[in-house]
Amino acid sequence: MFSADFLSIPRLPAPTPSTAKDYRLALRLTLLGLLLSLLTAFVTGNTYDLGDSINHYLFSRYAPQHPDNFFDSWAKPVFVLLTVLPSQAGFIGIKLFNCAVAALAAWQAYRLAEGLQLRWPWLAVLFTYAAPDYFRIQFSGLTEPLFSLLLVSGAALTVRNRATAAVLVLSFLPFVRSEGFLILAVWAVYLALTRQWRVLPWLPFGYLVYSVAGAVVYHDLGWVFHRNAYETISHYGSGQWGHFVGQLPGILGWVLLGLFWLGMLAGVLNWLTTRDAARPPAYRWAERLLVYGSVVVYLCAHTVFWALGLFASFGMTRVMDAVMPLLAVIALQGLHLLTRLAPAPRRQTLAYALAAAVLVFPLTGARTGFRWRTDFSRPAEQQLLEHVAGQLRPRAAGRLLLWDHPYWGVALNLDPFAPRRHQLLNTWRENQPVPAGTLLLWDNWFSSTEARVSYGQLRQDARLRLVREDSVLRDARKPEKGYTHLAVFERK
């Protein structure tokens, strides 16, 4: 069940070179996936969501004018640094950046699978691209793709005996997503158990770099924690313990999900039995700790955060896209487990048939696959905001505007970080003075949830006059999803 000396895991041997066939297949699949993503990026007007996706883009787009954005805890410093140039091309720039990142992550998933001596490692590329939500999230301004790239790159480098390079890459993970601190703890355990004492001190490298750089701006070496953007007790509330596990079908699709759970079973069986004895123990331990360990820690952490209402968790299942390349490698183990049930001559045929099913499933129109009408078109809410912004733009010229919906910044083409042009509705809620003529742009989600300002409060305020209000069904085919309601008020 365990190695002879559990506290002394063997180090990895020298990496074995890849076969030319596997390399070519992986490269072709990666390039094909990238091409398809790039074409989709230019065709789709969808931004995945109109909240965090837009906010991250805006932080990067206006970072040159507002250098503090490079060290913003919520925006994530490394993400802002790497996306500031693409974002100058508009939202298409950050979409193309994420397409490139996803391609590199898929390639590194192959490198990881190959380094772990798994059969058909090139299928890790296909599994990464065929996960419906991971494909969709490329066309956003979100941080999950970049996190997934750094994570899987660190794992791939580690299994190729480049632990120092891996740790240097991973040390910057907390500045892409805060869960990076948890991943560093996983690597610390692995490095300690493999007695790589010279590598361990490099784990805080990224933290030290940004602590010193940020101290120049904030005059505080501890700014990373002192300026943490996430409240300990979330005002979003809490949810069910099984929320993230229950939502995995929407992330992976049913076929890939089945292979993933079989892969989790394979991981247990490989640990408890000798069925995986053909691989050197060092590879098995690297896989258990770095692949399975990272996924389990990540999933459990988000489960706890949402169930207990901690650290501004909102139960958004898209966070699982941040470990998608590792999920693809685990699914590859599930494929191996299933194909071993077939006679040896038929195993490859069965593997290819299952891979084809993984690829085709998102295209079937199933609820957990691609939803063509909503996933790749501009939602009604986005169209309404653009319509209202177009009519409002002449009236808004030179005035202070208060809003919370991130997309107003895009629709109005205004710098949301310029305090003379934009402030949050908190300004009004806290009774801070604003000049006559100030426009308040209220919506029934962000204004109510983030600013906690209701339509009734503004409608009954004698200092304001209603300029216009608009509403639209979020989904005309599903009225139960409700309306987007916008209201524009003017300070008398």
Protein backbone atom coordinates (compact mmCIF):
# COMPACT_ATOMS: atom_id res chain seq x y z
CA MET A 1 0.00 0.00 0.00
CA PHE A 2 2.75 2.43 0.91
CA SER A 3 6.38 2.62 -0.08
CA ALA A 4 8.90 1.06 2.25
CA ASP A 5 9.81 4.45 3.57
CA PHE A 6 6.78 6.74 3.31
CA LEU A 7 8.74 9.75 4.49
CA SER A 8 11.45 9.21 1.89
CA ILE A 9 9.83 9.18 -1.54
CA PRO A 10 12.29 8.34 -4.33
CA ARG A 11 13.31 11.13 -6.66
CA LEU A 12 12.38 11.07 -10.30
CA PRO A 13 14.82 9.45 -12.75
CA ALA A 14 16.04 11.20 -15.86
CA PRO A 15 13.13 11.96 -18.24
CA THR A 16 12.56 9.64 -21.16
CA PRO A 17 12.29 11.21 -24.62
CA SER A 18 8.87 11.34 -26.25
CA THR A 19 8.01 9.22 -29.23
CA ALA A 20 7.84 11.08 -32.54
CA LYS A 21 4.29 9.88 -33.11
CA ASP A 22 2.98 11.15 -29.76
CA TYR A 23 4.79 14.45 -30.23
CA ARG A 24 3.35 15.03 -33.71
CA LEU A 25 -0.18 14.14 -32.64
CA ALA A 26 0.00 16.42 -29.60
CA LEU A 27 1.41 19.29 -31.64
CA ARG A 28 -1.22 18.94 -34.37
CA LEU A 29 -4.06 18.81 -31.86
CA THR A 30 -2.71 21.85 -30.03
CA LEU A 31 -2.37 23.88 -33.22
CA LEU A 32 -5.81 22.78 -34.40
CA GLY A 33 -7.33 23.74 -31.04
CA LEU A 34 -5.57 27.10 -31.13
CA LEU A 35 -6.77 27.81 -34.67
CA LEU A 36 -10.36 26.94 -33.76
CA SER A 37 -10.15 29.12 -30.64
CA LEU A 38 -8.76 32.10 -32.54
CA LEU A 39 -11.48 31.87 -35.18
CA THR A 40 -14.14 31.62 -32.47
CA ALA A 41 -12.67 34.60 -30.62
CA PHE A 42 -13.25 36.83 -33.64
CA VAL A 43 -16.73 35.47 -34.31
CA THR A 44 -18.25 35.42 -30.83
CA GLY A 45 -19.41 38.59 -29.10
CA ASN A 46 -19.81 36.76 -25.81
CA THR A 47 -17.50 37.67 -22.92
CA TYR A 48 -18.35 34.59 -20.77
CA ASP A 49 -19.79 36.86 -18.10
CA LEU A 50 -20.35 40.60 -17.70
CA GLY A 51 -18.86 40.83 -14.22
CA ASP A 52 -15.39 39.58 -13.30
CA SER A 53 -14.47 38.95 -16.93
CA ILE A 54 -15.01 42.62 -17.74
CA ASN A 55 -13.48 43.92 -14.53
CA HIS A 56 -10.23 42.04 -15.10
CA TYR A 57 -10.07 43.43 -18.63
CA LEU A 58 -10.64 46.98 -17.38
CA PHE A 59 -7.92 46.70 -14.74
CA SER A 60 -5.46 45.66 -17.44
CA ARG A 61 -6.73 48.08 -20.08
CA TYR A 62 -6.25 51.12 -17.85
CA ALA A 63 -3.17 49.98 -15.92
CA PRO A 64 -0.82 52.32 -17.85
CA GLN A 65 -2.89 55.31 -16.66
CA HIS A 66 -3.28 53.92 -13.14
CA PRO A 67 -0.07 52.08 -12.06
CA ASP A 68 -1.70 50.96 -8.81
CA ASN A 69 -3.61 48.45 -10.94
CA PHE A 70 -0.37 46.47 -11.34
CA PHE A 71 -0.50 45.69 -7.62
CA ASP A 72 -4.23 45.35 -7.05
CA SER A 73 -5.01 42.31 -4.89
CA TRP A 74 -8.30 41.52 -6.62
CA ALA A 75 -7.09 42.12 -10.19
CA LYS A 76 -4.02 39.90 -9.57
CA PRO A 77 -0.65 41.53 -10.31
CA VAL A 78 0.85 38.87 -12.58
CA PHE A 79 -2.33 38.69 -14.63
CA VAL A 80 -2.40 42.47 -15.06
CA LEU A 81 1.29 42.54 -15.98
CA LEU A 82 0.89 39.90 -18.69
CA THR A 83 -2.38 41.21 -20.12
CA VAL A 84 -1.74 44.96 -20.08
CA LEU A 85 -0.40 45.01 -23.64
CA PRO A 86 -3.02 42.68 -25.22
CA SER A 87 -5.77 44.67 -23.51
CA GLN A 88 -4.77 47.85 -25.33
CA ALA A 89 -6.29 46.24 -28.45
CA GLY A 90 -9.66 46.09 -26.70
CA PHE A 91 -11.47 43.06 -25.35
CA ILE A 92 -10.44 41.03 -28.40
CA GLY A 93 -6.86 41.40 -27.20
CA ILE A 94 -7.47 39.71 -23.88
CA LYS A 95 -9.51 36.99 -25.60
CA LEU A 96 -6.61 36.23 -27.95
CA PHE A 97 -4.25 36.19 -24.96
CA ASN A 98 -6.40 33.59 -23.21
CA CYS A 99 -6.61 31.52 -26.40
CA ALA A 100 -2.81 31.38 -26.54
CA VAL A 101 -2.65 30.56 -22.83
CA ALA A 102 -5.16 27.71 -23.21
CA ALA A 103 -3.14 26.26 -26.10
CA LEU A 104 0.04 26.32 -24.02
CA ALA A 105 -1.82 24.75 -21.08
CA ALA A 106 -3.11 21.94 -23.31
CA TRP A 107 0.43 21.37 -24.60
CA GLN A 108 1.80 21.25 -21.07
CA ALA A 109 -0.90 18.73 -20.14
CA TYR A 110 0.56 16.51 -22.85
CA ARG A 111 4.07 17.10 -21.51
CA LEU A 112 2.92 16.19 -18.02
CA ALA A 113 1.17 13.01 -19.17
CA GLU A 114 4.20 12.05 -21.21
CA GLY A 115 6.53 12.77 -18.30
CA LEU A 116 4.42 10.51 -16.07
CA GLN A 117 4.79 7.73 -18.67
CA LEU A 118 1.06 7.50 -19.38
CA ARG A 119 -0.16 5.82 -22.55
CA TRP A 120 -1.64 8.03 -25.30
CA PRO A 121 -0.37 11.25 -23.65
CA TRP A 122 -1.45 13.35 -26.63
CA LEU A 123 -5.08 12.74 -25.65
CA ALA A 124 -4.51 15.10 -22.72
CA VAL A 125 -4.57 17.91 -25.30
CA LEU A 126 -7.90 16.74 -26.70
CA PHE A 127 -9.39 16.30 -23.22
CA THR A 128 -8.36 19.82 -22.23
CA TYR A 129 -9.93 21.42 -25.28
CA ALA A 130 -13.04 19.22 -25.19
CA ALA A 131 -14.04 20.36 -21.70
CA PRO A 132 -16.97 22.67 -22.55
CA ASP A 133 -16.41 25.30 -19.89
CA TYR A 134 -12.65 25.48 -20.44
CA PHE A 135 -13.24 26.12 -24.13
CA ARG A 136 -15.79 28.85 -23.33
CA ILE A 137 -13.63 30.59 -20.75
CA GLN A 138 -10.94 31.33 -23.35
CA PHE A 139 -13.15 34.14 -24.65
CA SER A 140 -13.17 35.98 -21.34
CA GLY A 141 -10.93 38.28 -19.35
CA LEU A 142 -10.76 35.80 -16.47
CA THR A 143 -7.68 34.49 -14.64
CA GLU A 144 -8.46 30.75 -14.64
CA PRO A 145 -6.67 29.93 -17.94
CA LEU A 146 -3.42 31.61 -16.85
CA PHE A 147 -3.55 29.88 -13.47
CA SER A 148 -4.07 26.54 -15.21
CA LEU A 149 -1.05 27.19 -17.43
CA LEU A 150 1.31 27.99 -14.58
CA LEU A 151 0.03 25.06 -12.53
CA VAL A 152 0.34 22.42 -15.24
CA SER A 153 3.68 23.88 -16.36
CA GLY A 154 4.99 23.53 -12.82
CA ALA A 155 3.85 19.92 -12.70
CA ALA A 156 5.31 19.13 -16.14
CA LEU A 157 8.64 20.71 -15.22
CA THR A 158 8.76 18.85 -11.92
CA VAL A 159 8.26 15.40 -13.45
CA ARG A 160 11.06 16.23 -15.89
CA ASN A 161 13.52 16.84 -13.07
CA ARG A 162 13.41 20.61 -13.41
CA ALA A 163 12.09 21.24 -9.92
CA THR A 164 13.83 24.59 -9.44
CA ALA A 165 12.34 26.00 -12.66
CA ALA A 166 8.97 24.56 -11.66
CA VAL A 167 9.04 26.20 -8.25
CA LEU A 168 10.07 29.56 -9.70
CA VAL A 169 7.07 29.43 -12.03
CA LEU A 170 4.69 28.27 -9.31
CA SER A 171 5.90 30.89 -6.84
CA PHE A 172 3.95 33.48 -8.84
CA LEU A 173 0.67 31.51 -8.75
CA PRO A 174 -0.77 33.48 -5.79
CA PHE A 175 -0.52 36.60 -7.94
CA VAL A 176 -2.70 35.02 -10.61
CA ARG A 177 -5.25 33.52 -8.22
CA SER A 178 -5.14 33.42 -4.44
CA GLU A 179 -5.54 29.63 -4.39
CA GLY A 180 -1.90 29.59 -5.47
CA PHE A 181 -0.90 29.67 -1.80
CA LEU A 182 -2.62 26.27 -1.36
CA ILE A 183 -0.81 24.84 -4.38
CA LEU A 184 2.53 26.01 -2.98
CA ALA A 185 1.75 24.06 0.20
CA VAL A 186 1.24 20.90 -1.90
CA TRP A 187 4.60 21.43 -3.58
CA ALA A 188 6.27 22.08 -0.25
CA VAL A 189 5.10 18.67 0.98
CA TYR A 190 6.35 16.99 -2.20
CA LEU A 191 9.74 18.68 -2.09
CA ALA A 192 10.18 17.82 1.58
CA LEU A 193 9.25 14.17 1.04
CA THR A 194 11.66 13.92 -1.90
CA ARG A 195 14.35 15.70 0.16
CA GLN A 196 14.87 18.49 -2.36
CA TRP A 197 16.02 20.90 0.32
CA ARG A 198 17.87 23.20 -2.07
CA VAL A 199 14.70 23.78 -4.07
CA LEU A 200 12.37 24.49 -1.13
CA PRO A 201 13.71 28.01 -0.40
CA TRP A 202 12.63 29.13 -3.88
CA LEU A 203 8.92 28.62 -3.11
CA PRO A 204 8.43 32.16 -1.72
CA PHE A 205 10.41 33.76 -4.58
CA GLY A 206 7.36 35.29 -6.30
CA TYR A 207 5.99 36.51 -2.99
CA LEU A 208 9.27 38.22 -2.13
CA VAL A 209 9.53 39.85 -5.55
CA TYR A 210 6.04 41.30 -5.37
CA SER A 211 6.32 42.22 -1.71
CA VAL A 212 9.35 44.38 -2.46
CA ALA A 213 7.93 45.81 -5.69
CA GLY A 214 4.58 46.59 -4.05
CA ALA A 215 6.29 48.16 -1.05
CA VAL A 216 7.61 50.86 -3.38
CA VAL A 217 3.99 51.76 -4.20
CA TYR A 218 2.28 51.14 -0.86
CA HIS A 219 5.22 51.69 1.54
CA ASP A 220 4.28 48.41 3.21
CA LEU A 221 6.23 45.16 2.85
CA GLY A 222 3.21 43.22 4.05
CA TRP A 223 0.83 44.73 1.50
CA VAL A 224 -0.02 41.31 0.00
CA PHE A 225 -1.95 40.43 3.14
CA HIS A 226 -2.77 43.87 4.48
CA ARG A 227 -4.50 44.78 1.20
CA ASN A 228 -6.21 41.44 0.71
CA ALA A 229 -9.36 42.05 -1.35
CA TYR A 230 -11.36 39.17 0.11
CA GLU A 231 -13.42 39.56 3.25
CA THR A 232 -13.16 36.62 5.62
CA ILE A 233 -16.94 36.29 6.03
CA SER A 234 -18.49 36.57 2.59
CA HIS A 235 -21.48 38.85 2.08
CA TYR A 236 -22.57 36.50 -0.71
CA GLY A 237 -23.73 33.94 1.85
CA SER A 238 -23.03 30.22 1.64
CA GLY A 239 -24.15 27.09 -0.18
CA GLN A 240 -24.25 23.30 -0.14
CA TRP A 241 -21.24 21.11 0.59
CA GLY A 242 -21.77 19.13 -2.61
CA HIS A 243 -22.13 22.20 -4.84
CA PHE A 244 -18.84 22.00 -6.75
CA VAL A 245 -18.90 18.22 -7.19
CA GLY A 246 -22.50 18.43 -8.35
CA GLN A 247 -21.65 21.06 -10.95
CA LEU A 248 -18.70 19.21 -12.49
CA PRO A 249 -20.84 17.92 -15.42
CA GLY A 250 -21.17 21.51 -16.63
CA ILE A 251 -17.40 21.92 -16.51
CA LEU A 252 -16.36 18.64 -18.12
CA GLY A 253 -19.39 17.25 -19.93
CA TRP A 254 -20.72 13.81 -19.05
CA VAL A 255 -18.29 11.67 -21.04
CA LEU A 256 -15.15 13.40 -19.80
CA LEU A 257 -16.62 13.50 -16.30
CA GLY A 258 -17.06 9.72 -16.37
CA LEU A 259 -13.41 9.29 -17.35
CA PHE A 260 -12.37 11.73 -14.63
CA TRP A 261 -14.13 9.75 -11.89
CA LEU A 262 -12.67 6.54 -13.28
CA GLY A 263 -9.32 8.29 -13.14
CA MET A 264 -9.87 9.12 -9.49
CA LEU A 265 -10.71 5.45 -8.91
CA ALA A 266 -7.58 4.44 -10.82
CA GLY A 267 -5.52 6.68 -8.57
CA VAL A 268 -6.84 4.87 -5.50
CA LEU A 269 -6.36 1.43 -7.04
CA ASN A 270 -2.83 2.28 -8.16
CA TRP A 271 -2.04 3.27 -4.60
CA LEU A 272 -3.62 0.27 -2.90
CA THR A 273 -2.60 -2.44 -5.35
CA THR A 274 0.32 -3.41 -7.57
CA ARG A 275 -1.61 -2.84 -10.82
CA ASP A 276 0.63 0.16 -11.68
CA ALA A 277 3.88 -1.46 -10.60
CA ALA A 278 5.35 -1.21 -14.11
CA ARG A 279 5.94 2.50 -13.60
CA PRO A 280 8.80 3.53 -11.30
CA PRO A 281 7.58 4.50 -7.79
CA ALA A 282 8.87 8.04 -8.24
CA TYR A 283 6.39 8.70 -11.06
CA ARG A 284 3.52 7.23 -9.08
CA TRP A 285 4.28 9.46 -6.09
CA ALA A 286 4.68 12.56 -8.25
CA GLU A 287 1.29 11.86 -9.81
CA ARG A 288 -0.39 11.24 -6.42
CA LEU A 289 0.91 14.38 -4.78
CA LEU A 290 1.22 16.90 -7.60
CA VAL A 291 -1.71 15.94 -9.85
CA TYR A 292 -4.24 14.25 -7.59
CA GLY A 293 -3.09 16.19 -4.54
CA SER A 294 -3.44 19.58 -6.24
CA VAL A 295 -6.92 18.77 -7.57
CA VAL A 296 -8.19 17.41 -4.26
CA VAL A 297 -6.81 20.33 -2.24
CA TYR A 298 -8.20 22.85 -4.72
CA LEU A 299 -11.66 21.24 -4.89
CA CYS A 300 -11.91 20.75 -1.13
CA ALA A 301 -10.83 24.33 -0.45
CA HIS A 302 -13.55 25.79 -2.66
CA THR A 303 -16.08 23.39 -1.20
CA VAL A 304 -15.25 24.59 2.32
CA PHE A 305 -15.15 28.28 1.34
CA TRP A 306 -18.62 28.13 -0.24
CA ALA A 307 -20.21 25.91 2.39
CA LEU A 308 -18.97 28.12 5.23
CA GLY A 309 -19.33 31.43 3.37
CA LEU A 310 -15.64 32.37 3.50
CA PHE A 311 -13.31 34.61 1.48
CA ALA A 312 -15.97 36.14 -0.80
CA SER A 313 -16.78 32.77 -2.32
CA PHE A 314 -19.85 32.94 -4.54
CA GLY A 315 -19.95 29.29 -5.52
CA MET A 316 -18.91 30.02 -9.11
CA THR A 317 -18.04 26.66 -10.60
CA ARG A 318 -15.84 28.21 -13.28
CA VAL A 319 -13.04 28.23 -10.70
CA MET A 320 -12.56 24.53 -11.52
CA ASP A 321 -11.27 25.57 -14.95
CA ALA A 322 -8.10 26.63 -13.14
CA VAL A 323 -7.15 22.95 -12.70
CA MET A 324 -8.58 21.70 -16.01
CA PRO A 325 -5.28 20.41 -17.49
CA LEU A 326 -4.76 18.30 -14.36
CA LEU A 327 -8.33 17.01 -14.63
CA ALA A 328 -7.50 16.00 -18.21
CA VAL A 329 -4.50 13.99 -17.04
CA ILE A 330 -6.62 12.26 -14.39
CA ALA A 331 -9.25 11.49 -17.07
CA LEU A 332 -6.45 9.90 -19.11
CA GLN A 333 -5.85 7.52 -16.20
CA GLY A 334 -9.58 6.76 -16.27
CA LEU A 335 -9.26 5.92 -19.96
CA HIS A 336 -6.42 3.52 -19.15
CA LEU A 337 -8.49 1.85 -16.45
CA LEU A 338 -11.45 1.34 -18.77
CA THR A 339 -9.45 0.09 -21.74
CA ARG A 340 -7.73 -2.51 -19.61
CA LEU A 341 -11.09 -4.28 -19.39
CA ALA A 342 -10.89 -4.99 -23.13
CA PRO A 343 -8.67 -7.59 -24.81
CA ALA A 344 -5.23 -6.19 -25.55
CA PRO A 345 -5.70 -6.01 -29.38
CA ARG A 346 -8.84 -3.88 -28.95
CA ARG A 347 -7.64 -1.44 -26.32
CA GLN A 348 -6.42 1.23 -28.70
CA THR A 349 -9.64 1.07 -30.72
CA LEU A 350 -11.67 1.47 -27.53
CA ALA A 351 -9.46 4.37 -26.40
CA TYR A 352 -9.95 6.20 -29.69
CA ALA A 353 -13.71 5.58 -29.60
CA LEU A 354 -13.94 7.04 -26.09
CA ALA A 355 -11.79 10.00 -27.11
CA ALA A 356 -14.12 10.61 -30.04
CA ALA A 357 -17.09 10.53 -27.65
CA VAL A 358 -15.39 13.11 -25.43
CA LEU A 359 -14.85 15.34 -28.44
CA VAL A 360 -18.36 14.97 -29.89
CA PHE A 361 -20.34 15.29 -26.66
CA PRO A 362 -20.07 19.11 -26.33
CA LEU A 363 -21.52 19.42 -29.85
CA THR A 364 -24.66 17.38 -29.16
CA GLY A 365 -26.70 20.23 -27.72
CA ALA A 366 -26.82 18.60 -24.28
CA ARG A 367 -27.27 20.98 -21.35
CA THR A 368 -23.74 20.20 -20.15
CA GLY A 369 -22.26 20.75 -23.60
CA PHE A 370 -22.13 23.90 -25.69
CA ARG A 371 -25.30 26.00 -25.56
CA TRP A 372 -24.95 27.57 -28.97
CA ARG A 373 -27.58 30.26 -28.51
CA THR A 374 -26.08 31.60 -25.28
CA ASP A 375 -22.42 30.58 -25.23
CA PHE A 376 -21.29 32.26 -28.45
CA SER A 377 -23.63 35.22 -28.90
CA ARG A 378 -24.01 38.57 -27.16
CA PRO A 379 -26.50 38.19 -24.30
CA ALA A 380 -29.55 40.44 -24.17
CA GLU A 381 -28.16 42.21 -21.12
CA GLN A 382 -25.00 43.18 -22.99
CA GLN A 383 -27.01 44.44 -25.97
CA LEU A 384 -29.24 46.52 -23.71
CA LEU A 385 -26.28 48.13 -21.97
CA GLU A 386 -24.71 49.01 -25.32
CA HIS A 387 -28.02 50.45 -26.58
CA VAL A 388 -28.56 52.61 -23.50
CA ALA A 389 -24.91 53.70 -23.43
CA GLY A 390 -25.14 54.84 -27.06
CA GLN A 391 -28.10 57.09 -26.25
CA LEU A 392 -26.64 58.25 -22.95
CA ARG A 393 -23.17 59.15 -24.19
CA PRO A 394 -23.89 62.77 -25.25
CA ARG A 395 -25.64 63.51 -21.95
CA ALA A 396 -22.85 61.87 -19.93
CA ALA A 397 -20.06 63.94 -21.50
CA GLY A 398 -18.05 65.70 -18.80
CA ARG A 399 -20.25 64.50 -15.95
CA LEU A 400 -19.51 62.32 -12.96
CA LEU A 401 -21.15 58.91 -13.30
CA LEU A 402 -21.88 56.43 -10.53
CA TRP A 403 -22.22 52.79 -11.53
CA ASP A 404 -21.42 49.26 -10.37
CA HIS A 405 -22.09 47.17 -13.48
CA PRO A 406 -18.61 46.65 -14.99
CA TYR A 407 -19.85 46.67 -18.58
CA TRP A 408 -20.77 50.36 -18.40
CA GLY A 409 -17.04 51.08 -18.61
CA VAL A 410 -16.84 49.19 -21.92
CA ALA A 411 -20.14 50.40 -23.35
CA LEU A 412 -19.42 54.05 -22.55
CA ASN A 413 -15.70 53.74 -23.32
CA LEU A 414 -14.85 55.50 -20.05
CA ASP A 415 -11.95 54.99 -17.68
CA PRO A 416 -13.60 53.53 -14.55
CA PHE A 417 -10.56 54.36 -12.42
CA ALA A 418 -10.71 58.12 -13.04
CA PRO A 419 -12.47 59.42 -9.89
CA ARG A 420 -13.68 62.59 -11.62
CA ARG A 421 -15.56 60.52 -14.20
CA HIS A 422 -16.61 57.41 -12.31
CA GLN A 423 -17.34 56.32 -8.76
CA LEU A 424 -19.25 53.39 -7.32
CA LEU A 425 -22.80 53.73 -6.03
CA ASN A 426 -21.34 53.33 -2.55
CA THR A 427 -20.61 57.04 -2.88
CA TRP A 428 -24.34 57.77 -2.88
CA ARG A 429 -25.21 55.17 -0.27
CA GLU A 430 -22.67 56.71 2.10
CA ASN A 431 -24.12 60.20 1.47
CA GLN A 432 -20.88 61.57 0.07
CA PRO A 433 -21.39 64.83 -1.82
CA VAL A 434 -21.61 64.69 -5.62
CA PRO A 435 -22.16 67.65 -7.97
CA ALA A 436 -25.49 68.51 -9.57
CA GLY A 437 -25.90 66.73 -12.88
CA THR A 438 -24.22 63.54 -11.65
CA LEU A 439 -25.75 60.47 -13.30
CA LEU A 440 -26.47 57.32 -11.31
CA LEU A 441 -26.59 54.19 -13.47
CA TRP A 442 -28.46 51.57 -11.47
CA ASP A 443 -28.93 47.92 -12.37
CA ASN A 444 -30.78 45.18 -10.55
CA TRP A 445 -27.77 42.92 -9.98
CA PHE A 446 -24.49 44.69 -9.29
CA SER A 447 -26.04 47.80 -7.74
CA SER A 448 -28.20 45.66 -5.47
CA THR A 449 -25.62 42.99 -4.62
CA GLU A 450 -22.34 44.89 -4.53
CA ALA A 451 -23.40 48.44 -3.63
CA ARG A 452 -26.53 47.28 -1.78
CA VAL A 453 -28.55 50.12 -3.25
CA SER A 454 -32.13 49.30 -4.23
CA TYR A 455 -34.22 50.83 -6.99
CA GLY A 456 -36.77 51.93 -4.39
CA GLN A 457 -34.17 53.87 -2.42
CA LEU A 458 -33.21 55.93 -5.46
CA ARG A 459 -36.76 56.31 -6.75
CA GLN A 460 -37.89 57.80 -3.44
CA ASP A 461 -34.88 60.09 -3.02
CA ALA A 462 -36.04 63.69 -3.52
CA ARG A 463 -32.53 64.71 -4.62
CA LEU A 464 -32.82 62.60 -7.77
CA ARG A 465 -34.90 62.63 -10.91
CA LEU A 466 -35.48 59.54 -13.04
CA VAL A 467 -34.05 60.03 -16.54
CA ARG A 468 -34.95 56.66 -18.07
CA GLU A 469 -35.38 53.01 -17.28
CA ASP A 470 -35.13 49.95 -19.46
CA SER A 471 -35.52 46.21 -19.00
CA VAL A 472 -35.06 43.05 -21.02
CA LEU A 473 -35.51 39.35 -20.43
CA ARG A 474 -32.16 37.73 -19.72
CA ASP A 475 -33.23 34.78 -21.85
CA ALA A 476 -36.36 35.16 -23.99
CA ARG A 477 -36.78 31.38 -24.16
CA LYS A 478 -36.50 31.01 -20.38
CA PRO A 479 -38.51 33.80 -18.74
CA GLU A 480 -37.90 32.22 -15.35
CA LYS A 481 -34.35 33.61 -15.46
CA GLY A 482 -35.87 37.05 -14.95
CA TYR A 483 -35.10 40.50 -16.27
CA THR A 484 -32.15 42.84 -16.43
CA HIS A 485 -33.47 46.18 -15.20
CA LEU A 486 -31.56 49.44 -15.76
CA ALA A 487 -32.44 52.88 -14.40
CA VAL A 488 -30.66 56.19 -14.92
CA PHE A 489 -31.08 58.92 -12.30
CA GLU A 490 -29.76 62.49 -12.32
CA ARG A 491 -28.69 64.50 -9.29
CA LYS A 492 -30.82 67.65 -9.22
